[in-house]
Amino acid sequence: MADLSLPRPGCCKWAEGDAGNYIFPCNTRVEAGVSYCSEHSAIVYIPPEERRRNRSGGGGMSLSFRRAA
């Protein structure tokens, strides 16, 4: 079994890798209760308004292709 890699406490939990071999390259500090730094949060988080627009057929890319993590 490969060594388990975990994000450092208090740091962004942005993961890269595949098949269970993940690394956590972002060492940006985050507040308690927050998973990602502002840069990675902007990639991961889809605002509710945009999610509703996509569900109602408002055009654009489907959510399955927009998810980054």
Protein backbone atom coordinates (compact mmCIF):
# COMPACT_ATOMS: atom_id res chain seq x y z
CA MET A 1 0.00 0.00 0.00
CA ALA A 2 1.28 3.48 -0.87
CA ASP A 3 2.05 6.00 1.83
CA LEU A 4 -1.01 8.01 2.76
CA SER A 5 -0.64 11.67 1.82
CA LEU A 6 -2.80 14.15 3.71
CA PRO A 7 -3.01 17.93 3.46
CA ARG A 8 -1.26 19.85 6.19
CA PRO A 9 -3.61 21.08 8.93
CA GLY A 10 -4.83 24.60 8.25
CA CYS A 11 -3.79 24.48 4.58
CA CYS A 12 -5.74 24.31 1.34
CA LYS A 13 -6.98 20.79 0.55
CA TRP A 14 -6.58 21.08 -3.25
CA ALA A 15 -5.53 17.60 -4.43
CA GLU A 16 -3.77 16.51 -7.60
CA GLY A 17 -3.16 12.98 -8.80
CA ASP A 18 -5.16 9.86 -9.56
CA ALA A 19 -5.90 6.32 -8.43
CA GLY A 20 -5.42 7.18 -4.77
CA ASN A 21 -1.95 8.67 -5.31
CA TYR A 22 -2.82 12.23 -4.41
CA ILE A 23 -0.58 15.10 -3.46
CA PHE A 24 -1.63 18.38 -1.86
CA PRO A 25 0.64 20.96 -3.54
CA CYS A 26 -1.05 24.13 -2.24
CA ASN A 27 0.33 25.23 1.12
CA THR A 28 -1.80 28.39 1.34
CA ARG A 29 -3.22 28.86 4.84
CA VAL A 30 -7.02 28.80 5.20
CA GLU A 31 -9.37 29.78 8.01
CA ALA A 32 -10.86 27.11 10.25
CA GLY A 33 -13.81 25.41 8.55
CA VAL A 34 -12.66 26.39 5.04
CA SER A 35 -11.36 23.65 2.73
CA TYR A 36 -9.77 25.62 -0.10
CA CYS A 37 -7.81 28.84 -0.58
CA SER A 38 -9.58 31.58 -2.55
CA GLU A 39 -7.88 30.59 -5.84
CA HIS A 40 -8.93 26.93 -5.65
CA SER A 41 -12.33 27.75 -4.17
CA ALA A 42 -13.08 29.79 -7.32
CA ILE A 43 -12.38 26.68 -9.41
CA VAL A 44 -14.32 24.21 -7.26
CA TYR A 45 -17.34 26.22 -6.14
CA ILE A 46 -20.24 26.77 -8.54
CA PRO A 47 -22.56 29.55 -7.30
CA PRO A 48 -26.22 28.48 -6.77
CA GLU A 49 -27.44 30.93 -9.44
CA GLU A 50 -25.21 29.35 -12.08
CA ARG A 51 -26.20 25.84 -10.95
CA ARG A 52 -29.91 26.72 -11.37
CA ARG A 53 -29.23 28.27 -14.78
CA ASN A 54 -27.48 25.09 -15.94
CA ARG A 55 -30.29 22.85 -14.68
CA SER A 56 -32.93 24.89 -16.46
CA GLY A 57 -31.14 24.53 -19.80
CA GLY A 58 -29.65 28.00 -19.79
CA GLY A 59 -26.90 26.85 -22.12
CA GLY A 60 -23.24 26.48 -21.43
CA MET A 61 -21.27 23.47 -20.35
CA SER A 62 -22.92 20.78 -18.23
CA LEU A 63 -21.88 20.52 -14.59
CA SER A 64 -20.18 17.18 -15.13
CA PHE A 65 -17.60 18.88 -17.34
CA ARG A 66 -17.17 21.90 -15.07
CA ARG A 67 -16.16 20.11 -11.90
CA ALA A 68 -12.48 20.38 -11.20
CA ALA A 69 -12.16 18.41 -8.00
